[in-house]
């Protein structure tokens, strides 16, 4: 079986190289180059850093908007007790607060 695999590897390599050549020529027609794995990783890391720096501000804004919504004076629909809902919401947001 090992001999069979050794015999097939050069042919498979040629097929893959031909497929790569066809893809590269298609990209030339489109006018852009393929992103390399390193560029892809770099972009992924940059996006993760950008999201991490934005996350605290986003959380602060979301919590502020949620407080403003809960502070609206609205007549309850009678489905849920408003005081219980408000108390549970404040407890859950304080439990999740990052120091």
PDB file of N, CA and C in Angstrom:
ATOM      1  N   UNK A   1       0.823  -1.190   0.000  1.00  0.00           N
ATOM      2  CA  UNK A   1       0.000   0.000   0.000  1.00  0.00           C
ATOM      3  C   UNK A   1       0.875   1.266   0.000  1.00  0.00           C
ATOM      4  N   UNK A   2       1.986   1.207   0.747  1.00  0.00           N
ATOM      5  CA  UNK A   2       2.899   2.337   0.793  1.00  0.00           C
ATOM      6  C   UNK A   2       3.470   2.634  -0.598  1.00  0.00           C
ATOM      7  N   UNK A   3       3.804   1.570  -1.338  1.00  0.00           N
ATOM      8  CA  UNK A   3       4.309   1.757  -2.699  1.00  0.00           C
ATOM      9  C   UNK A   3       3.260   2.411  -3.585  1.00  0.00           C
ATOM     10  N   UNK A   4       2.022   2.000  -3.421  1.00  0.00           N
ATOM     11  CA  UNK A   4       0.925   2.589  -4.196  1.00  0.00           C
ATOM     12  C   UNK A   4       0.805   4.086  -3.906  1.00  0.00           C
ATOM     13  N   UNK A   5       0.880   4.458  -2.627  1.00  0.00           N
ATOM     14  CA  UNK A   5       0.793   5.875  -2.239  1.00  0.00           C
ATOM     15  C   UNK A   5       1.970   6.650  -2.817  1.00  0.00           C
ATOM     16  N   UNK A   6       3.173   6.077  -2.745  1.00  0.00           N
ATOM     17  CA  UNK A   6       4.360   6.736  -3.286  1.00  0.00           C
ATOM     18  C   UNK A   6       4.220   6.970  -4.789  1.00  0.00           C
ATOM     19  N   UNK A   7       3.597   6.019  -5.480  1.00  0.00           N
ATOM     20  CA  UNK A   7       3.399   6.161  -6.928  1.00  0.00           C
ATOM     21  C   UNK A   7       2.399   7.269  -7.248  1.00  0.00           C
ATOM     22  N   UNK A   8       1.392   7.440  -6.416  1.00  0.00           N
ATOM     23  CA  UNK A   8       0.313   8.389  -6.702  1.00  0.00           C
ATOM     24  C   UNK A   8       0.635   9.826  -6.290  1.00  0.00           C
ATOM     25  N   UNK A   9       1.554  10.014  -5.365  1.00  0.00           N
ATOM     26  CA  UNK A   9       1.844  11.362  -4.850  1.00  0.00           C
ATOM     27  C   UNK A   9       2.303  12.323  -5.949  1.00  0.00           C
ATOM     28  N   UNK A  10       3.234  11.976  -6.835  1.00  0.00           N
ATOM     29  CA  UNK A  10       3.640  12.940  -7.869  1.00  0.00           C
ATOM     30  C   UNK A  10       2.479  13.368  -8.773  1.00  0.00           C
ATOM     31  N   UNK A  11       1.616  12.440  -9.115  1.00  0.00           N
ATOM     32  CA  UNK A  11       0.463  12.781  -9.948  1.00  0.00           C
ATOM     33  C   UNK A  11      -0.507  13.699  -9.228  1.00  0.00           C
ATOM     34  N   UNK A  12      -0.744  13.412  -7.962  1.00  0.00           N
ATOM     35  CA  UNK A  12      -1.634  14.267  -7.169  1.00  0.00           C
ATOM     36  C   UNK A  12      -1.027  15.660  -7.025  1.00  0.00           C
ATOM     37  N   UNK A  13       0.279  15.714  -6.853  1.00  0.00           N
ATOM     38  CA  UNK A  13       0.945  17.013  -6.735  1.00  0.00           C
ATOM     39  C   UNK A  13       0.785  17.822  -8.021  1.00  0.00           C
ATOM     40  N   UNK A  14       0.958  17.173  -9.170  1.00  0.00           N
ATOM     41  CA  UNK A  14       0.786  17.864 -10.449  1.00  0.00           C
ATOM     42  C   UNK A  14      -0.641  18.389 -10.589  1.00  0.00           C
ATOM     43  N   UNK A  15      -1.622  17.573 -10.206  1.00  0.00           N
ATOM     44  CA  UNK A  15      -3.023  18.013 -10.283  1.00  0.00           C
ATOM     45  C   UNK A  15      -3.277  19.228  -9.393  1.00  0.00           C
ATOM     46  N   UNK A  16      -2.736  19.197  -8.181  1.00  0.00           N
ATOM     47  CA  UNK A  16      -2.911  20.323  -7.264  1.00  0.00           C
ATOM     48  C   UNK A  16      -2.205  21.572  -7.774  1.00  0.00           C
ATOM     49  N   UNK A  17      -1.009  21.419  -8.336  1.00  0.00           N
ATOM     50  CA  UNK A  17      -0.303  22.575  -8.884  1.00  0.00           C
ATOM     51  C   UNK A  17      -1.069  23.171 -10.066  1.00  0.00           C
ATOM     52  N   UNK A  18      -1.655  22.306 -10.899  1.00  0.00           N
ATOM     53  CA  UNK A  18      -2.456  22.788 -12.021  1.00  0.00           C
ATOM     54  C   UNK A  18      -3.696  23.540 -11.521  1.00  0.00           C
ATOM     55  N   UNK A  19      -4.341  23.005 -10.499  1.00  0.00           N
ATOM     56  CA  UNK A  19      -5.512  23.670  -9.912  1.00  0.00           C
ATOM     57  C   UNK A  19      -5.115  25.026  -9.326  1.00  0.00           C
ATOM     58  N   UNK A  20      -3.976  25.080  -8.656  1.00  0.00           N
ATOM     59  CA  UNK A  20      -3.475  26.340  -8.107  1.00  0.00           C
ATOM     60  C   UNK A  20      -3.188  27.342  -9.225  1.00  0.00           C
ATOM     61  N   UNK A  21      -2.594  26.883 -10.324  1.00  0.00           N
ATOM     62  CA  UNK A  21      -2.311  27.757 -11.456  1.00  0.00           C
ATOM     63  C   UNK A  21      -3.604  28.316 -12.045  1.00  0.00           C
ATOM     64  N   UNK A  22      -4.627  27.451 -12.178  1.00  0.00           N
ATOM     65  CA  UNK A  22      -5.911  27.906 -12.704  1.00  0.00           C
ATOM     66  C   UNK A  22      -6.558  28.939 -11.780  1.00  0.00           C
ATOM     67  N   UNK A  23      -6.481  28.699 -10.474  1.00  0.00           N
ATOM     68  CA  UNK A  23      -7.047  29.660  -9.512  1.00  0.00           C
ATOM     69  C   UNK A  23      -6.299  30.986  -9.567  1.00  0.00           C
ATOM     70  N   UNK A  24      -4.972  30.918  -9.686  1.00  0.00           N
ATOM     71  CA  UNK A  24      -4.179  32.149  -9.749  1.00  0.00           C
ATOM     72  C   UNK A  24      -4.518  32.932 -11.011  1.00  0.00           C
ATOM     73  N   UNK A  25      -4.699  32.230 -12.143  1.00  0.00           N
ATOM     74  CA  UNK A  25      -5.049  32.950 -13.369  1.00  0.00           C
ATOM     75  C   UNK A  25      -6.445  33.540 -13.265  1.00  0.00           C
ATOM     76  N   UNK A  26      -7.371  32.854 -12.605  1.00  0.00           N
ATOM     77  CA  UNK A  26      -8.714  33.409 -12.395  1.00  0.00           C
ATOM     78  C   UNK A  26      -8.652  34.664 -11.539  1.00  0.00           C
ATOM     79  N   UNK A  27      -7.807  34.646 -10.528  1.00  0.00           N
ATOM     80  CA  UNK A  27      -7.653  35.824  -9.675  1.00  0.00           C
ATOM     81  C   UNK A  27      -7.013  36.981 -10.433  1.00  0.00           C
ATOM     82  N   UNK A  28      -6.090  36.677 -11.362  1.00  0.00           N
ATOM     83  CA  UNK A  28      -5.499  37.737 -12.183  1.00  0.00           C
ATOM     84  C   UNK A  28      -6.572  38.419 -13.018  1.00  0.00           C
ATOM     85  N   UNK A  29      -7.525  37.630 -13.515  1.00  0.00           N
ATOM     86  CA  UNK A  29      -8.615  38.201 -14.299  1.00  0.00           C
ATOM     87  C   UNK A  29      -9.471  39.111 -13.423  1.00  0.00           C
ATOM     88  N   UNK A  30      -9.689  38.707 -12.180  1.00  0.00           N
ATOM     89  CA  UNK A  30     -10.481  39.523 -11.257  1.00  0.00           C
ATOM     90  C   UNK A  30      -9.719  40.758 -10.788  1.00  0.00           C
ATOM     91  N   UNK A  31      -8.398  40.719 -10.874  1.00  0.00           N
ATOM     92  CA  UNK A  31      -7.609  41.878 -10.496  1.00  0.00           C
ATOM     93  C   UNK A  31      -7.232  41.939  -9.035  1.00  0.00           C
ATOM     94  N   UNK A  32      -7.216  40.812  -8.382  1.00  0.00           N
ATOM     95  CA  UNK A  32      -6.781  40.805  -6.988  1.00  0.00           C
ATOM     96  C   UNK A  32      -6.044  39.509  -6.699  1.00  0.00           C
ATOM     97  N   UNK A  33      -5.178  39.574  -5.721  1.00  0.00           N
ATOM     98  CA  UNK A  33      -4.389  38.403  -5.354  1.00  0.00           C
ATOM     99  C   UNK A  33      -5.022  37.704  -4.167  1.00  0.00           C
ATOM    100  N   UNK A  34      -4.742  36.443  -4.063  1.00  0.00           N
ATOM    101  CA  UNK A  34      -5.253  35.674  -2.926  1.00  0.00           C
ATOM    102  C   UNK A  34      -4.562  36.118  -1.644  1.00  0.00           C
ATOM    103  N   UNK A  35      -5.300  36.123  -0.560  1.00  0.00           N
ATOM    104  CA  UNK A  35      -4.734  36.472   0.737  1.00  0.00           C
ATOM    105  C   UNK A  35      -3.956  35.270   1.255  1.00  0.00           C
ATOM    106  N   UNK A  36      -2.739  35.499   1.663  1.00  0.00           N
ATOM    107  CA  UNK A  36      -1.938  34.391   2.191  1.00  0.00           C
ATOM    108  C   UNK A  36      -2.418  34.035   3.592  1.00  0.00           C
ATOM    109  N   UNK A  37      -2.014  32.877   4.052  1.00  0.00           N
ATOM    110  CA  UNK A  37      -2.414  32.414   5.382  1.00  0.00           C
ATOM    111  C   UNK A  37      -1.883  33.381   6.442  1.00  0.00           C
ATOM    112  N   UNK A  38      -0.668  33.904   6.240  1.00  0.00           N
ATOM    113  CA  UNK A  38      -0.080  34.833   7.221  1.00  0.00           C
ATOM    114  C   UNK A  38      -0.891  36.123   7.258  1.00  0.00           C
ATOM    115  N   UNK A  39      -1.260  36.643   6.075  1.00  0.00           N
ATOM    116  CA  UNK A  39      -2.091  37.851   6.036  1.00  0.00           C
ATOM    117  C   UNK A  39      -3.437  37.604   6.703  1.00  0.00           C
ATOM    118  N   UNK A  40      -3.974  36.422   6.489  1.00  0.00           N
ATOM    119  CA  UNK A  40      -5.263  36.065   7.089  1.00  0.00           C
ATOM    120  C   UNK A  40      -5.158  36.040   8.611  1.00  0.00           C
ATOM    121  N   UNK A  41      -4.100  35.436   9.116  1.00  0.00           N
ATOM    122  CA  UNK A  41      -3.886  35.378  10.565  1.00  0.00           C
ATOM    123  C   UNK A  41      -3.679  36.779  11.132  1.00  0.00           C
ATOM    124  N   UNK A  42      -2.922  37.603  10.424  1.00  0.00           N
ATOM    125  CA  UNK A  42      -2.668  38.969  10.882  1.00  0.00           C
ATOM    126  C   UNK A  42      -3.972  39.762  10.956  1.00  0.00           C
ATOM    127  N   UNK A  43      -4.808  39.606   9.936  1.00  0.00           N
ATOM    128  CA  UNK A  43      -6.099  40.291   9.926  1.00  0.00           C
ATOM    129  C   UNK A  43      -6.964  39.805  11.077  1.00  0.00           C
ATOM    130  N   UNK A  44      -6.970  38.508  11.300  1.00  0.00           N
ATOM    131  CA  UNK A  44      -7.761  37.929  12.387  1.00  0.00           C
ATOM    132  C   UNK A  44      -7.298  38.460  13.744  1.00  0.00           C
ATOM    133  N   UNK A  45      -5.999  38.528  13.952  1.00  0.00           N
ATOM    134  CA  UNK A  45      -5.465  39.050  15.220  1.00  0.00           C
ATOM    135  C   UNK A  45      -5.799  40.534  15.391  1.00  0.00           C
ATOM    136  N   UNK A  46      -5.682  41.299  14.302  1.00  0.00           N
ATOM    137  CA  UNK A  46      -5.990  42.729  14.368  1.00  0.00           C
ATOM    138  C   UNK A  46      -7.462  42.945  14.727  1.00  0.00           C
ATOM    139  N   UNK A  47      -8.352  42.166  14.119  1.00  0.00           N
ATOM    140  CA  UNK A  47      -9.774  42.294  14.423  1.00  0.00           C
ATOM    141  C   UNK A  47     -10.073  41.908  15.875  1.00  0.00           C
ATOM    142  N   UNK A  48      -9.400  40.876  16.375  1.00  0.00           N
ATOM    143  CA  UNK A  48      -9.599  40.468  17.772  1.00  0.00           C
ATOM    144  C   UNK A  48      -9.144  41.572  18.725  1.00  0.00           C
ATOM    145  N   UNK A  49      -8.008  42.209  18.426  1.00  0.00           N
ATOM    146  CA  UNK A  49      -7.515  43.313  19.267  1.00  0.00           C
ATOM    147  C   UNK A  49      -8.465  44.512  19.212  1.00  0.00           C
ATOM    148  N   UNK A  50      -8.941  44.827  18.007  1.00  0.00           N
ATOM    149  CA  UNK A  50      -9.856  45.957  17.858  1.00  0.00           C
ATOM    150  C   UNK A  50     -11.148  45.699  18.617  1.00  0.00           C
ATOM    151  N   UNK A  51     -11.665  44.467  18.530  1.00  0.00           N
ATOM    152  CA  UNK A  51     -12.897  44.133  19.246  1.00  0.00           C
ATOM    153  C   UNK A  51     -12.670  44.196  20.755  1.00  0.00           C
ATOM    154  N   UNK A  52     -11.540  43.691  21.208  1.00  0.00           N
ATOM    155  CA  UNK A  52     -11.252  43.707  22.647  1.00  0.00           C
ATOM    156  C   UNK A  52     -11.168  45.135  23.177  1.00  0.00           C
ATOM    157  N   UNK A  53     -10.601  46.048  22.390  1.00  0.00           N
ATOM    158  CA  UNK A  53     -10.508  47.432  22.860  1.00  0.00           C
ATOM    159  C   UNK A  53     -11.866  48.129  22.807  1.00  0.00           C
ATOM    160  N   UNK A  54     -12.733  47.707  21.913  1.00  0.00           N
ATOM    161  CA  UNK A  54     -14.054  48.319  21.771  1.00  0.00           C
ATOM    162  C   UNK A  54     -15.074  47.737  22.755  1.00  0.00           C
ATOM    163  N   UNK A  55     -14.864  46.515  23.200  1.00  0.00           N
ATOM    164  CA  UNK A  55     -15.839  45.797  24.021  1.00  0.00           C
ATOM    165  C   UNK A  55     -16.237  46.524  25.305  1.00  0.00           C
ATOM    166  N   UNK A  56     -15.304  47.095  26.098  1.00  0.00           N
ATOM    167  CA  UNK A  56     -15.732  47.789  27.320  1.00  0.00           C
ATOM    168  C   UNK A  56     -16.660  48.974  27.031  1.00  0.00           C
ATOM    169  N   UNK A  57     -16.335  49.764  26.004  1.00  0.00           N
ATOM    170  CA  UNK A  57     -17.205  50.893  25.649  1.00  0.00           C
ATOM    171  C   UNK A  57     -18.564  50.406  25.184  1.00  0.00           C
ATOM    172  N   UNK A  58     -18.563  49.353  24.397  1.00  0.00           N
ATOM    173  CA  UNK A  58     -19.818  48.791  23.903  1.00  0.00           C
ATOM    174  C   UNK A  58     -20.678  48.287  25.068  1.00  0.00           C
ATOM    175  N   UNK A  59     -20.054  47.624  26.019  1.00  0.00           N
ATOM    176  CA  UNK A  59     -20.801  47.118  27.170  1.00  0.00           C
ATOM    177  C   UNK A  59     -21.373  48.273  27.988  1.00  0.00           C
ATOM    178  N   UNK A  60     -20.570  49.321  28.192  1.00  0.00           N
ATOM    179  CA  UNK A  60     -21.022  50.490  28.954  1.00  0.00           C
ATOM    180  C   UNK A  60     -22.238  51.127  28.275  1.00  0.00           C
ATOM    181  N   UNK A  61     -22.159  51.319  26.971  1.00  0.00           N
ATOM    182  CA  UNK A  61     -23.275  51.913  26.246  1.00  0.00           C
ATOM    183  C   UNK A  61     -24.518  51.030  26.300  1.00  0.00           C
ATOM    184  N   UNK A  62     -24.323  49.731  26.167  1.00  0.00           N
ATOM    185  CA  UNK A  62     -25.456  48.802  26.214  1.00  0.00           C
ATOM    186  C   UNK A  62     -26.112  48.816  27.587  1.00  0.00           C
ATOM    187  N   UNK A  63     -25.314  48.825  28.648  1.00  0.00           N
ATOM    188  CA  UNK A  63     -25.874  48.876  30.002  1.00  0.00           C
ATOM    189  C   UNK A  63     -26.619  50.186  30.237  1.00  0.00           C
ATOM    190  N   UNK A  64     -26.057  51.303  29.752  1.00  0.00           N
ATOM    191  CA  UNK A  64     -26.723  52.594  29.920  1.00  0.00           C
ATOM    192  C   UNK A  64     -28.061  52.621  29.183  1.00  0.00           C
ATOM    193  N   UNK A  65     -28.086  52.109  27.969  1.00  0.00           N
ATOM    194  CA  UNK A  65     -29.343  52.077  27.217  1.00  0.00           C
ATOM    195  C   UNK A  65     -30.368  51.179  27.907  1.00  0.00           C
ATOM    196  N   UNK A  66     -29.903  50.057  28.441  1.00  0.00           N
ATOM    197  CA  UNK A  66     -30.816  49.153  29.138  1.00  0.00           C
ATOM    198  C   UNK A  66     -31.403  49.824  30.374  1.00  0.00           C
ATOM    199  N   UNK A  67     -30.561  50.566  31.129  1.00  0.00           N
ATOM    200  CA  UNK A  67     -31.073  51.278  32.302  1.00  0.00           C
ATOM    201  C   UNK A  67     -32.113  52.319  31.890  1.00  0.00           C
ATOM    202  N   UNK A  68     -31.838  53.038  30.807  1.00  0.00           N
ATOM    203  CA  UNK A  68     -32.790  54.041  30.326  1.00  0.00           C
ATOM    204  C   UNK A  68     -34.114  53.392  29.932  1.00  0.00           C
ATOM    205  N   UNK A  69     -34.043  52.228  29.323  1.00  0.00           N
ATOM    206  CA  UNK A  69     -35.273  51.522  28.940  1.00  0.00           C
ATOM    207  C   UNK A  69     -36.046  51.095  30.177  1.00  0.00           C
ATOM    208  N   UNK A  70     -35.334  50.545  31.185  1.00  0.00           N
ATOM    209  CA  UNK A  70     -36.023  50.102  32.399  1.00  0.00           C
ATOM    210  C   UNK A  70     -36.546  51.268  33.220  1.00  0.00           C
ATOM    211  N   UNK A  71     -35.946  52.433  33.077  1.00  0.00           N
ATOM    212  CA  UNK A  71     -36.406  53.597  33.826  1.00  0.00           C
ATOM    213  C   UNK A  71     -37.599  54.292  33.172  1.00  0.00           C
ATOM    214  N   UNK A  72     -37.994  53.860  31.981  1.00  0.00           N
ATOM    215  CA  UNK A  72     -39.169  54.444  31.336  1.00  0.00           C
ATOM    216  C   UNK A  72     -40.401  54.164  32.180  1.00  0.00           C
ATOM    217  N   UNK A  73     -41.217  55.139  32.329  1.00  0.00           N
ATOM    218  CA  UNK A  73     -42.437  54.971  33.120  1.00  0.00           C
ATOM    219  C   UNK A  73     -43.542  54.442  32.197  1.00  0.00           C
ATOM    220  N   UNK A  74     -43.755  53.144  32.279  1.00  0.00           N
ATOM    221  CA  UNK A  74     -44.776  52.512  31.443  1.00  0.00           C
ATOM    222  C   UNK A  74     -45.676  51.656  32.317  1.00  0.00           C
ATOM    223  N   UNK A  75     -46.909  51.604  31.942  1.00  0.00           N
ATOM    224  CA  UNK A  75     -47.844  50.757  32.659  1.00  0.00           C
ATOM    225  C   UNK A  75     -47.533  49.304  32.305  1.00  0.00           C
ATOM    226  N   UNK A  76     -47.315  48.448  33.323  1.00  0.00           N
ATOM    227  CA  UNK A  76     -47.019  47.043  33.049  1.00  0.00           C
ATOM    228  C   UNK A  76     -48.177  46.366  32.308  1.00  0.00           C
ATOM    229  N   UNK A  77     -47.855  45.397  31.493  1.00  0.00           N
ATOM    230  CA  UNK A  77     -48.871  44.660  30.749  1.00  0.00           C
ATOM    231  C   UNK A  77     -49.569  43.620  31.612  1.00  0.00           C
ATOM    232  N   UNK A  78     -49.041  43.398  32.801  1.00  0.00           N
ATOM    233  CA  UNK A  78     -49.652  42.417  33.694  1.00  0.00           C
ATOM    234  C   UNK A  78     -49.111  41.013  33.484  1.00  0.00           C
ATOM    235  N   UNK A  79     -48.195  40.864  32.546  1.00  0.00           N
ATOM    236  CA  UNK A  79     -47.631  39.541  32.276  1.00  0.00           C
ATOM    237  C   UNK A  79     -46.555  39.219  33.307  1.00  0.00           C
ATOM    238  N   UNK A  80     -45.710  40.222  33.608  1.00  0.00           N
ATOM    239  CA  UNK A  80     -44.613  40.059  34.556  1.00  0.00           C
ATOM    240  C   UNK A  80     -44.700  41.209  35.540  1.00  0.00           C
ATOM    241  N   UNK A  81     -44.422  40.914  36.800  1.00  0.00           N
ATOM    242  CA  UNK A  81     -44.397  41.969  37.803  1.00  0.00           C
ATOM    243  C   UNK A  81     -43.199  42.876  37.530  1.00  0.00           C
ATOM    244  N   UNK A  82     -43.424  44.168  37.301  1.00  0.00           N
ATOM    245  CA  UNK A  82     -42.378  45.112  36.908  1.00  0.00           C
ATOM    246  C   UNK A  82     -41.289  45.216  37.966  1.00  0.00           C
ATOM    247  N   UNK A  83     -41.648  45.226  39.246  1.00  0.00           N
ATOM    248  CA  UNK A  83     -40.646  45.358  40.307  1.00  0.00           C
ATOM    249  C   UNK A  83     -39.722  44.145  40.332  1.00  0.00           C
ATOM    250  N   UNK A  84     -40.300  42.974  40.173  1.00  0.00           N
ATOM    251  CA  UNK A  84     -39.489  41.747  40.166  1.00  0.00           C
ATOM    252  C   UNK A  84     -38.563  41.731  38.953  1.00  0.00           C
ATOM    253  N   UNK A  85     -39.074  42.125  37.800  1.00  0.00           N
ATOM    254  CA  UNK A  85     -38.260  42.151  36.588  1.00  0.00           C
ATOM    255  C   UNK A  85     -37.109  43.130  36.741  1.00  0.00           C
ATOM    256  N   UNK A  86     -37.383  44.310  37.282  1.00  0.00           N
ATOM    257  CA  UNK A  86     -36.340  45.321  37.443  1.00  0.00           C
ATOM    258  C   UNK A  86     -35.291  44.854  38.445  1.00  0.00           C
ATOM    259  N   UNK A  87     -35.732  44.266  39.536  1.00  0.00           N
ATOM    260  CA  UNK A  87     -34.798  43.766  40.544  1.00  0.00           C
ATOM    261  C   UNK A  87     -33.908  42.672  39.961  1.00  0.00           C
ATOM    262  N   UNK A  88     -34.498  41.733  39.224  1.00  0.00           N
ATOM    263  CA  UNK A  88     -33.716  40.650  38.622  1.00  0.00           C
ATOM    264  C   UNK A  88     -32.731  41.186  37.590  1.00  0.00           C
ATOM    265  N   UNK A  89     -33.135  42.209  36.834  1.00  0.00           N
ATOM    266  CA  UNK A  89     -32.246  42.777  35.834  1.00  0.00           C
ATOM    267  C   UNK A  89     -31.045  43.426  36.499  1.00  0.00           C
ATOM    268  N   UNK A  90     -31.274  44.223  37.556  1.00  0.00           N
ATOM    269  CA  UNK A  90     -30.155  44.873  38.236  1.00  0.00           C
ATOM    270  C   UNK A  90     -29.232  43.839  38.875  1.00  0.00           C
ATOM    271  N   UNK A  91     -29.809  42.770  39.440  1.00  0.00           N
ATOM    272  CA  UNK A  91     -28.975  41.727  40.039  1.00  0.00           C
ATOM    273  C   UNK A  91     -28.114  41.047  38.985  1.00  0.00           C
ATOM    274  N   UNK A  92     -28.690  40.752  37.817  1.00  0.00           N
ATOM    275  CA  UNK A  92     -27.928  40.047  36.785  1.00  0.00           C
ATOM    276  C   UNK A  92     -26.841  40.940  36.195  1.00  0.00           C
ATOM    277  N   UNK A  93     -27.090  42.226  36.009  1.00  0.00           N
ATOM    278  CA  UNK A  93     -26.061  43.090  35.441  1.00  0.00           C
ATOM    279  C   UNK A  93     -24.937  43.331  36.435  1.00  0.00           C
ATOM    280  N   UNK A  94     -25.249  43.413  37.711  1.00  0.00           N
ATOM    281  CA  UNK A  94     -24.200  43.599  38.704  1.00  0.00           C
ATOM    282  C   UNK A  94     -23.377  42.332  38.887  1.00  0.00           C
ATOM    283  N   UNK A  95     -24.000  41.177  38.719  1.00  0.00           N
ATOM    284  CA  UNK A  95     -23.261  39.921  38.847  1.00  0.00           C
ATOM    285  C   UNK A  95     -22.303  39.735  37.688  1.00  0.00           C
ATOM    286  N   UNK A  96     -22.639  40.284  36.513  1.00  0.00           N
ATOM    287  CA  UNK A  96     -21.801  40.118  35.327  1.00  0.00           C
ATOM    288  C   UNK A  96     -20.769  41.232  35.174  1.00  0.00           C
ATOM    289  N   UNK A  97     -20.810  42.239  36.029  1.00  0.00           N
ATOM    290  CA  UNK A  97     -19.917  43.384  35.891  1.00  0.00           C
ATOM    291  C   UNK A  97     -18.464  42.948  36.030  1.00  0.00           C
ATOM    292  N   UNK A  98     -17.650  43.439  35.098  1.00  0.00           N
ATOM    293  CA  UNK A  98     -16.219  43.128  35.122  1.00  0.00           C
ATOM    294  C   UNK A  98     -15.512  44.167  35.983  1.00  0.00           C
ATOM    295  N   UNK A  99     -14.700  43.714  36.935  1.00  0.00           N
ATOM    296  CA  UNK A  99     -14.022  44.682  37.823  1.00  0.00           C
ATOM    297  C   UNK A  99     -13.019  45.526  37.090  1.00  0.00           C
TER     298      UNK A  99
END
